């Protein structure tokens, strides 16, 4: 099973966004046509929008794993950080591609 390449946004923000049978996502299958929620890992720097999805609760550090993050939240985070410069998102998640 291949993992998606880390997403890097225009302002330098980075995060891993995964969806497969081993990830915290919906549907929890590999190769779905579209995902309603995904697993985000290790945002750098920490992203406040993700706090409510923290694996250990919102009071925990915002630099770990974030299960079942809705697809629209991923879209919002990418737009907030200027769009995606490189990396991959799971199928069916619309996002802004950064322009030069």
N, C-alpha and C. Protein backbone atom coordinates (compact mmCIF):
# COMPACT_ATOMS: atom_id res chain seq x y z
N UNK A 1 0.85 -1.18 0.00
CA UNK A 1 0.00 0.00 0.00
C UNK A 1 0.90 1.24 0.00
N UNK A 2 0.67 2.11 -0.97
CA UNK A 2 1.42 3.36 -1.07
C UNK A 2 0.73 4.44 -0.26
N UNK A 3 1.52 5.28 0.37
CA UNK A 3 0.98 6.43 1.10
C UNK A 3 1.05 7.66 0.22
N UNK A 4 0.15 8.61 0.46
CA UNK A 4 0.19 9.89 -0.25
C UNK A 4 1.44 10.66 0.18
N UNK A 5 2.02 11.37 -0.75
CA UNK A 5 3.15 12.24 -0.43
C UNK A 5 2.66 13.39 0.44
N UNK A 6 3.51 13.82 1.36
CA UNK A 6 3.18 14.93 2.28
C UNK A 6 2.76 16.16 1.48
N UNK A 7 1.69 16.82 1.94
CA UNK A 7 1.21 18.05 1.32
C UNK A 7 2.05 19.22 1.84
N UNK A 8 2.51 20.05 0.93
CA UNK A 8 3.23 21.27 1.29
C UNK A 8 2.47 22.43 0.65
N UNK A 9 2.12 23.41 1.48
CA UNK A 9 1.37 24.57 1.01
C UNK A 9 2.30 25.74 0.70
N UNK A 10 1.75 26.73 0.04
CA UNK A 10 2.52 27.89 -0.43
C UNK A 10 3.25 28.60 0.70
N UNK A 11 2.64 28.67 1.90
CA UNK A 11 3.29 29.37 3.01
C UNK A 11 4.24 28.49 3.81
N UNK A 12 4.46 27.24 3.34
CA UNK A 12 5.37 26.34 4.02
C UNK A 12 4.70 25.34 4.95
N UNK A 13 3.41 25.49 5.19
CA UNK A 13 2.68 24.55 6.04
C UNK A 13 2.74 23.16 5.42
N UNK A 14 2.92 22.13 6.26
CA UNK A 14 3.00 20.75 5.80
C UNK A 14 2.09 19.86 6.62
N UNK A 15 1.56 18.81 5.98
CA UNK A 15 0.78 17.80 6.69
C UNK A 15 0.70 16.54 5.83
N UNK A 16 0.55 15.42 6.50
CA UNK A 16 0.30 14.16 5.83
C UNK A 16 -1.21 13.96 5.79
N UNK A 17 -1.75 13.59 4.64
CA UNK A 17 -3.20 13.35 4.50
C UNK A 17 -3.37 11.97 3.88
N UNK A 18 -3.93 11.03 4.66
CA UNK A 18 -4.03 9.65 4.22
C UNK A 18 -5.47 9.14 4.28
N UNK A 19 -5.77 8.22 3.38
CA UNK A 19 -7.07 7.53 3.36
C UNK A 19 -6.84 6.17 2.71
N UNK A 20 -7.02 5.12 3.50
CA UNK A 20 -6.85 3.75 3.03
C UNK A 20 -7.43 2.82 4.09
N UNK A 21 -7.34 1.54 3.87
CA UNK A 21 -7.96 0.58 4.79
C UNK A 21 -7.33 0.58 6.18
N UNK A 22 -6.15 1.16 6.33
CA UNK A 22 -5.45 1.21 7.61
C UNK A 22 -5.56 2.58 8.29
N UNK A 23 -6.13 3.56 7.62
CA UNK A 23 -6.20 4.93 8.14
C UNK A 23 -7.55 5.20 8.79
N UNK A 24 -7.58 6.23 9.60
CA UNK A 24 -8.82 6.70 10.21
C UNK A 24 -9.54 7.58 9.20
N UNK A 25 -10.35 6.97 8.36
CA UNK A 25 -11.02 7.69 7.29
C UNK A 25 -12.37 7.04 7.00
N UNK A 26 -13.15 7.70 6.16
CA UNK A 26 -14.43 7.13 5.72
C UNK A 26 -14.59 7.38 4.23
N UNK A 27 -14.82 6.36 3.43
CA UNK A 27 -14.87 4.95 3.83
C UNK A 27 -13.47 4.44 4.18
N UNK A 28 -13.43 3.42 5.00
CA UNK A 28 -12.15 2.86 5.45
C UNK A 28 -11.72 1.74 4.50
N UNK A 29 -11.44 2.12 3.28
CA UNK A 29 -10.99 1.21 2.23
C UNK A 29 -9.88 1.88 1.45
N UNK A 30 -9.09 1.09 0.79
CA UNK A 30 -8.04 1.61 -0.08
C UNK A 30 -8.61 1.81 -1.48
N UNK A 31 -8.34 2.95 -2.09
CA UNK A 31 -8.72 3.19 -3.47
C UNK A 31 -10.15 3.61 -3.71
N UNK A 32 -10.81 4.19 -2.71
CA UNK A 32 -12.18 4.68 -2.92
C UNK A 32 -12.18 5.81 -3.95
N UNK A 33 -13.30 6.00 -4.61
CA UNK A 33 -13.43 7.10 -5.57
C UNK A 33 -13.44 8.45 -4.88
N UNK A 34 -13.89 8.47 -3.63
CA UNK A 34 -13.99 9.72 -2.88
C UNK A 34 -14.02 9.39 -1.39
N UNK A 35 -13.48 10.29 -0.59
CA UNK A 35 -13.47 10.11 0.86
C UNK A 35 -14.20 11.27 1.54
N UNK A 36 -15.06 10.94 2.49
CA UNK A 36 -15.79 11.96 3.25
C UNK A 36 -14.93 12.48 4.40
N UNK A 37 -14.04 11.64 4.92
CA UNK A 37 -13.12 12.06 5.98
C UNK A 37 -11.80 11.33 5.79
N UNK A 38 -10.75 11.92 6.33
CA UNK A 38 -9.39 11.40 6.15
C UNK A 38 -8.60 11.51 7.45
N UNK A 39 -7.43 10.91 7.45
CA UNK A 39 -6.51 11.01 8.59
C UNK A 39 -5.43 12.03 8.25
N UNK A 40 -5.24 12.99 9.14
CA UNK A 40 -4.16 13.97 8.98
C UNK A 40 -3.12 13.68 10.05
N UNK A 41 -1.86 13.75 9.64
CA UNK A 41 -0.78 13.50 10.57
C UNK A 41 0.26 14.59 10.56
N UNK A 42 0.72 14.92 11.73
CA UNK A 42 1.88 15.77 11.95
C UNK A 42 1.90 17.08 11.18
N UNK A 43 0.87 17.91 11.36
CA UNK A 43 0.91 19.22 10.71
C UNK A 43 2.06 20.05 11.28
N UNK A 44 2.72 20.78 10.40
CA UNK A 44 3.86 21.58 10.83
C UNK A 44 3.83 22.92 10.12
N UNK A 45 3.59 24.00 10.83
CA UNK A 45 3.38 24.09 12.26
C UNK A 45 1.99 23.58 12.64
N UNK A 46 1.72 23.42 13.95
CA UNK A 46 0.40 22.98 14.38
C UNK A 46 -0.69 23.89 13.80
N UNK A 47 -1.83 23.29 13.46
CA UNK A 47 -2.95 24.02 12.85
C UNK A 47 -4.14 24.01 13.80
N UNK A 48 -4.55 25.21 14.24
CA UNK A 48 -5.64 25.33 15.21
C UNK A 48 -6.96 24.76 14.73
N UNK A 49 -7.22 24.77 13.43
CA UNK A 49 -8.47 24.22 12.89
C UNK A 49 -8.59 22.74 13.24
N UNK A 50 -7.48 22.05 13.41
CA UNK A 50 -7.50 20.61 13.67
C UNK A 50 -7.70 20.24 15.14
N UNK A 51 -7.63 21.19 16.05
CA UNK A 51 -7.66 20.89 17.48
C UNK A 51 -8.83 20.00 17.88
N UNK A 52 -10.00 20.24 17.35
CA UNK A 52 -11.19 19.45 17.75
C UNK A 52 -11.14 18.01 17.25
N UNK A 53 -10.23 17.71 16.32
CA UNK A 53 -10.12 16.36 15.77
C UNK A 53 -8.95 15.58 16.36
N UNK A 54 -8.23 16.16 17.31
CA UNK A 54 -7.05 15.52 17.88
C UNK A 54 -7.38 14.14 18.42
N UNK A 55 -6.51 13.18 18.17
CA UNK A 55 -6.71 11.79 18.57
C UNK A 55 -6.93 11.66 20.07
N UNK A 56 -6.25 12.45 20.85
CA UNK A 56 -6.35 12.38 22.30
C UNK A 56 -7.22 13.48 22.89
N UNK A 57 -7.97 14.19 22.07
CA UNK A 57 -8.84 15.25 22.54
C UNK A 57 -8.25 16.62 22.28
N UNK A 58 -9.11 17.65 22.23
CA UNK A 58 -8.66 19.00 21.85
C UNK A 58 -7.66 19.64 22.80
N UNK A 59 -7.56 19.13 24.02
CA UNK A 59 -6.60 19.70 24.96
C UNK A 59 -5.18 19.22 24.71
N UNK A 60 -5.01 18.24 23.84
CA UNK A 60 -3.69 17.67 23.56
C UNK A 60 -2.93 18.51 22.53
N UNK A 61 -1.66 18.22 22.42
CA UNK A 61 -0.78 18.89 21.46
C UNK A 61 -1.35 18.73 20.05
N UNK A 62 -1.30 19.77 19.27
CA UNK A 62 -1.88 19.74 17.92
C UNK A 62 -0.85 19.35 16.87
N UNK A 63 0.11 18.49 17.22
CA UNK A 63 1.12 18.10 16.25
C UNK A 63 1.13 16.60 15.97
N UNK A 64 0.07 15.87 16.38
CA UNK A 64 0.06 14.42 16.22
C UNK A 64 -0.85 13.94 15.10
N UNK A 65 -1.72 12.97 15.43
CA UNK A 65 -2.63 12.36 14.48
C UNK A 65 -4.04 12.90 14.69
N UNK A 66 -4.72 13.14 13.58
CA UNK A 66 -6.08 13.69 13.61
C UNK A 66 -6.98 12.78 12.77
N UNK A 67 -7.74 11.87 13.44
CA UNK A 67 -8.59 10.92 12.72
C UNK A 67 -9.90 11.53 12.26
N UNK A 68 -10.42 10.98 11.18
CA UNK A 68 -11.74 11.31 10.65
C UNK A 68 -11.97 12.81 10.46
N UNK A 69 -11.01 13.49 9.87
CA UNK A 69 -11.15 14.92 9.57
C UNK A 69 -12.01 15.03 8.30
N UNK A 70 -13.12 15.77 8.36
CA UNK A 70 -13.97 15.92 7.17
C UNK A 70 -13.21 16.51 5.98
N UNK A 71 -13.56 16.05 4.79
CA UNK A 71 -12.89 16.50 3.57
C UNK A 71 -12.94 18.01 3.42
N UNK A 72 -14.07 18.64 3.78
CA UNK A 72 -14.18 20.09 3.62
C UNK A 72 -13.21 20.84 4.54
N UNK A 73 -12.84 20.23 5.66
CA UNK A 73 -11.86 20.86 6.56
C UNK A 73 -10.48 20.84 5.91
N UNK A 74 -10.15 19.75 5.23
CA UNK A 74 -8.88 19.67 4.50
C UNK A 74 -8.81 20.76 3.43
N UNK A 75 -9.90 20.92 2.70
CA UNK A 75 -9.99 21.97 1.67
C UNK A 75 -9.75 23.35 2.30
N UNK A 76 -10.37 23.60 3.43
CA UNK A 76 -10.24 24.88 4.13
C UNK A 76 -8.80 25.12 4.58
N UNK A 77 -8.17 24.10 5.13
CA UNK A 77 -6.79 24.24 5.59
C UNK A 77 -5.86 24.55 4.43
N UNK A 78 -6.02 23.84 3.32
CA UNK A 78 -5.17 24.09 2.15
C UNK A 78 -5.34 25.53 1.65
N UNK A 79 -6.57 26.01 1.58
CA UNK A 79 -6.83 27.38 1.12
C UNK A 79 -6.24 28.40 2.10
N UNK A 80 -6.39 28.15 3.40
CA UNK A 80 -5.86 29.06 4.42
C UNK A 80 -4.35 29.25 4.27
N UNK A 81 -3.67 28.22 3.82
CA UNK A 81 -2.21 28.27 3.72
C UNK A 81 -1.72 28.56 2.30
N UNK A 82 -2.61 29.10 1.47
CA UNK A 82 -2.20 29.59 0.15
C UNK A 82 -2.28 28.59 -0.98
N UNK A 83 -2.80 27.42 -0.70
CA UNK A 83 -2.92 26.38 -1.73
C UNK A 83 -1.78 25.38 -1.66
N UNK A 84 -1.96 24.28 -2.37
CA UNK A 84 -1.00 23.18 -2.37
C UNK A 84 0.08 23.41 -3.44
N UNK A 85 1.33 23.35 -3.02
CA UNK A 85 2.47 23.49 -3.92
C UNK A 85 2.91 22.11 -4.40
N UNK A 86 2.95 21.15 -3.47
CA UNK A 86 3.31 19.79 -3.84
C UNK A 86 2.69 18.80 -2.85
N UNK A 87 2.69 17.53 -3.24
CA UNK A 87 2.11 16.48 -2.41
C UNK A 87 0.81 15.98 -3.00
N UNK A 88 0.14 15.10 -2.25
CA UNK A 88 -1.06 14.44 -2.74
C UNK A 88 -2.15 14.43 -1.68
N UNK A 89 -3.38 14.58 -2.14
CA UNK A 89 -4.55 14.41 -1.29
C UNK A 89 -5.33 13.20 -1.76
N UNK A 90 -6.04 12.54 -0.85
CA UNK A 90 -6.87 11.41 -1.26
C UNK A 90 -7.93 11.81 -2.28
N UNK A 91 -8.42 10.84 -2.99
CA UNK A 91 -9.42 11.06 -4.04
C UNK A 91 -10.66 11.79 -3.53
N UNK A 92 -11.15 12.69 -4.36
CA UNK A 92 -12.41 13.36 -4.08
C UNK A 92 -12.33 14.57 -3.17
N UNK A 93 -11.14 14.99 -2.78
CA UNK A 93 -11.01 16.17 -1.92
C UNK A 93 -10.61 17.36 -2.78
N UNK A 94 -11.52 18.30 -2.96
CA UNK A 94 -11.17 19.48 -3.77
C UNK A 94 -10.18 20.37 -3.01
N UNK A 95 -9.26 20.96 -3.73
CA UNK A 95 -8.28 21.84 -3.09
C UNK A 95 -7.76 22.86 -4.08
N UNK A 96 -7.22 23.91 -3.53
CA UNK A 96 -6.63 25.00 -4.29
C UNK A 96 -5.19 24.66 -4.60
N UNK A 97 -4.82 24.68 -5.87
CA UNK A 97 -3.42 24.48 -6.27
C UNK A 97 -2.78 25.87 -6.28
N UNK A 98 -1.69 26.03 -5.55
CA UNK A 98 -1.01 27.33 -5.46
C UNK A 98 -0.45 27.73 -6.83
N UNK A 99 -0.51 29.01 -7.11
CA UNK A 99 0.07 29.54 -8.34
C UNK A 99 1.32 30.32 -7.99
N UNK A 100 2.19 30.45 -8.94
CA UNK A 100 3.46 31.16 -8.71
C UNK A 100 3.27 32.64 -8.53
